[in-house]
Amino acid sequence: MDKRTLIICKSTHHGNTMKVAKSMAEEINAKIIDPSDFNKDMITDYDVIGFGSGIYGGEHHKSLLDLAEKLEIQKNKKAFIFSTSTIRMAAMHKTLRDKLLKKEFEIIGEFFCKGFMNYSFSKYLFGGLNKGRPNKKDLEKAQDFAKKMREKN
């Protein structure tokens, strides 16, 4: 019996994180929703919840962090975290991870890939950073990650 998976994804600007979420969802037949479409009664319908967004100021999108803060304590609920960002920072998943652990989720994995960014100084100096990312290889890695998350259930 397959476990049901929900992916809660906030993707802005170029849709980088949504590309990753769709790649994962396709691999494991998961449903994807925006944090604004989540209601607390949904959580009982799923065995695994994926939480992902771009990284803004070193953290996941505020709407995803706010949602995690509002969740009730979970028993036997597994979660995974993913993100896209211009550069990888060691602590970029920490705030979301801490919020989910506080709600007693079991974190079964974390995934990161680079995403295209063309705002602020990078747009004018370089025409953007990480052009073409996430690319085909990144999306294949996202699918492999999703397979591993399915196998952990």
Protein backbone atom coordinates (compact mmCIF):
# COMPACT_ATOMS: atom_id res chain seq x y z
CA MET A 1 0.00 0.00 0.00
CA ASP A 2 1.42 3.37 -1.00
CA LYS A 3 1.61 6.11 1.55
CA ARG A 4 -0.20 9.30 0.61
CA THR A 5 2.05 12.34 0.28
CA LEU A 6 1.18 16.02 0.33
CA ILE A 7 3.67 18.64 -0.81
CA ILE A 8 3.14 22.16 0.50
CA CYS A 9 5.12 24.49 -1.74
CA LYS A 10 5.47 28.25 -2.00
CA SER A 11 7.12 29.20 -5.26
CA THR A 12 7.50 32.83 -6.28
CA HIS A 13 9.57 34.81 -8.80
CA HIS A 14 10.55 32.21 -11.45
CA GLY A 15 8.74 29.09 -10.24
CA ASN A 16 12.02 27.32 -9.45
CA THR A 17 10.74 25.54 -6.37
CA MET A 18 7.50 24.53 -8.07
CA LYS A 19 9.54 22.80 -10.80
CA VAL A 20 11.25 20.80 -8.07
CA ALA A 21 7.94 20.07 -6.30
CA LYS A 22 6.31 18.90 -9.55
CA SER A 23 9.25 16.64 -10.31
CA MET A 24 8.95 15.06 -6.86
CA ALA A 25 5.17 14.81 -7.04
CA GLU A 26 5.29 13.10 -10.41
CA GLU A 27 7.65 10.48 -9.04
CA ILE A 28 5.61 9.64 -5.93
CA ASN A 29 2.09 10.63 -7.02
CA ALA A 30 1.86 13.44 -4.45
CA LYS A 31 -0.58 16.31 -4.32
CA ILE A 32 0.90 19.85 -4.35
CA ILE A 33 -0.75 22.82 -2.67
CA ASP A 34 0.18 26.39 -1.77
CA PRO A 35 0.39 27.13 1.97
CA SER A 36 -2.67 29.39 1.58
CA ASP A 37 -4.73 26.37 0.43
CA PHE A 38 -3.87 24.25 3.47
CA ASN A 39 -6.36 23.58 6.24
CA LYS A 40 -5.53 21.64 9.38
CA ASP A 41 -8.04 18.88 8.64
CA MET A 42 -6.06 17.89 5.52
CA ILE A 43 -3.12 16.58 7.48
CA THR A 44 -4.92 13.43 8.61
CA ASP A 45 -5.35 12.38 4.96
CA TYR A 46 -1.60 12.11 4.38
CA ASP A 47 1.19 9.95 5.75
CA VAL A 48 4.04 12.19 4.62
CA ILE A 49 4.13 15.97 4.21
CA GLY A 50 6.76 17.77 2.13
CA PHE A 51 7.46 21.41 2.94
CA GLY A 52 9.31 23.56 0.43
CA SER A 53 9.96 27.05 -0.87
CA GLY A 54 12.70 29.30 -2.08
CA ILE A 55 15.04 30.74 0.52
CA TYR A 56 14.53 34.40 1.44
CA GLY A 57 16.94 36.07 3.83
CA GLY A 58 18.30 32.68 4.87
CA GLU A 59 14.92 31.04 5.59
CA HIS A 60 11.96 29.45 3.86
CA HIS A 61 9.11 31.70 2.71
CA LYS A 62 7.21 33.37 5.56
CA SER A 63 3.92 31.72 4.57
CA LEU A 64 5.47 28.26 4.99
CA LEU A 65 7.04 29.16 8.34
CA ASP A 66 3.73 30.61 9.55
CA LEU A 67 1.89 27.45 8.51
CA ALA A 68 4.39 25.24 10.36
CA GLU A 69 3.98 27.40 13.46
CA LYS A 70 0.19 26.97 13.42
CA LEU A 71 0.18 23.19 13.00
CA GLU A 72 -0.92 21.03 15.89
CA ILE A 73 1.37 18.46 17.51
CA GLN A 74 1.68 15.44 15.22
CA LYS A 75 2.00 11.80 16.16
CA ASN A 76 3.65 9.39 13.73
CA LYS A 77 3.73 11.96 10.93
CA LYS A 78 6.72 12.09 8.63
CA ALA A 79 7.96 15.18 6.81
CA PHE A 80 10.62 16.22 4.36
CA ILE A 81 12.00 19.67 3.62
CA PHE A 82 13.20 21.10 0.32
CA SER A 83 14.30 24.41 -1.10
CA THR A 84 15.88 26.30 -3.96
CA SER A 85 18.20 29.23 -3.49
CA THR A 86 21.02 31.15 -5.09
CA ILE A 87 23.65 29.81 -2.73
CA ARG A 88 23.58 27.03 -0.19
CA MET A 89 23.85 28.12 3.41
CA ALA A 90 24.37 25.57 6.15
CA ALA A 91 21.49 26.84 8.27
CA MET A 92 18.90 27.62 5.59
CA HIS A 93 16.52 24.80 6.62
CA LYS A 94 17.05 25.31 10.37
CA THR A 95 14.06 27.57 11.11
CA LEU A 96 11.56 25.33 9.32
CA ARG A 97 13.16 22.14 10.66
CA ASP A 98 12.98 23.47 14.22
CA LYS A 99 9.30 24.40 13.83
CA LEU A 100 8.44 20.95 12.45
CA LEU A 101 10.41 19.14 15.14
CA LYS A 102 8.63 21.23 17.77
CA LYS A 103 5.36 19.87 16.31
CA GLU A 104 6.87 16.36 16.63
CA PHE A 105 7.20 15.57 12.93
CA GLU A 106 9.82 12.96 12.05
CA ILE A 107 12.06 14.64 9.46
CA ILE A 108 12.97 11.90 6.99
CA GLY A 109 15.04 13.96 4.55
CA GLU A 110 16.07 17.33 3.17
CA PHE A 111 16.73 18.41 -0.41
CA PHE A 112 18.30 21.53 -1.88
CA CYS A 113 19.12 22.72 -5.37
CA LYS A 114 20.19 25.98 -6.91
CA GLY A 115 17.60 28.24 -8.49
CA PHE A 116 17.83 31.11 -10.95
CA MET A 117 17.76 34.55 -9.35
CA ASN A 118 17.73 37.90 -11.15
CA TYR A 119 16.76 40.52 -8.66
CA SER A 120 18.73 43.10 -6.75
CA PHE A 121 22.33 43.68 -7.83
CA SER A 122 22.65 40.37 -9.69
CA LYS A 123 20.18 41.43 -12.36
CA TYR A 124 22.21 44.47 -13.28
CA LEU A 125 25.73 43.13 -12.78
CA PHE A 126 25.40 39.57 -14.07
CA GLY A 127 21.97 39.25 -15.72
CA GLY A 128 21.08 36.92 -12.86
CA LEU A 129 22.72 34.01 -11.08
CA ASN A 130 22.33 30.27 -11.67
CA LYS A 131 20.87 30.68 -15.15
CA GLY A 132 18.91 27.64 -16.25
CA ARG A 133 18.60 26.23 -12.73
CA PRO A 134 16.97 24.07 -11.68
CA ASN A 135 18.03 22.10 -14.73
CA LYS A 136 17.26 18.58 -15.93
CA LYS A 137 19.94 17.08 -13.67
CA ASP A 138 18.55 18.98 -10.63
CA LEU A 139 15.05 17.69 -11.36
CA GLU A 140 16.32 14.13 -11.73
CA LYS A 141 18.01 14.49 -8.33
CA ALA A 142 14.68 15.73 -6.92
CA GLN A 143 12.96 12.63 -8.31
CA ASP A 144 15.63 10.38 -6.79
CA PHE A 145 15.18 12.16 -3.46
CA ALA A 146 11.40 11.63 -3.66
CA LYS A 147 11.91 7.90 -4.36
CA LYS A 148 14.04 7.67 -1.23
CA MET A 149 11.37 9.46 0.81
CA ARG A 150 8.78 6.95 -0.43
CA GLU A 151 11.07 4.05 0.50
CA LYS A 152 11.43 5.38 4.06
CA ASN A 153 7.75 4.64 4.69
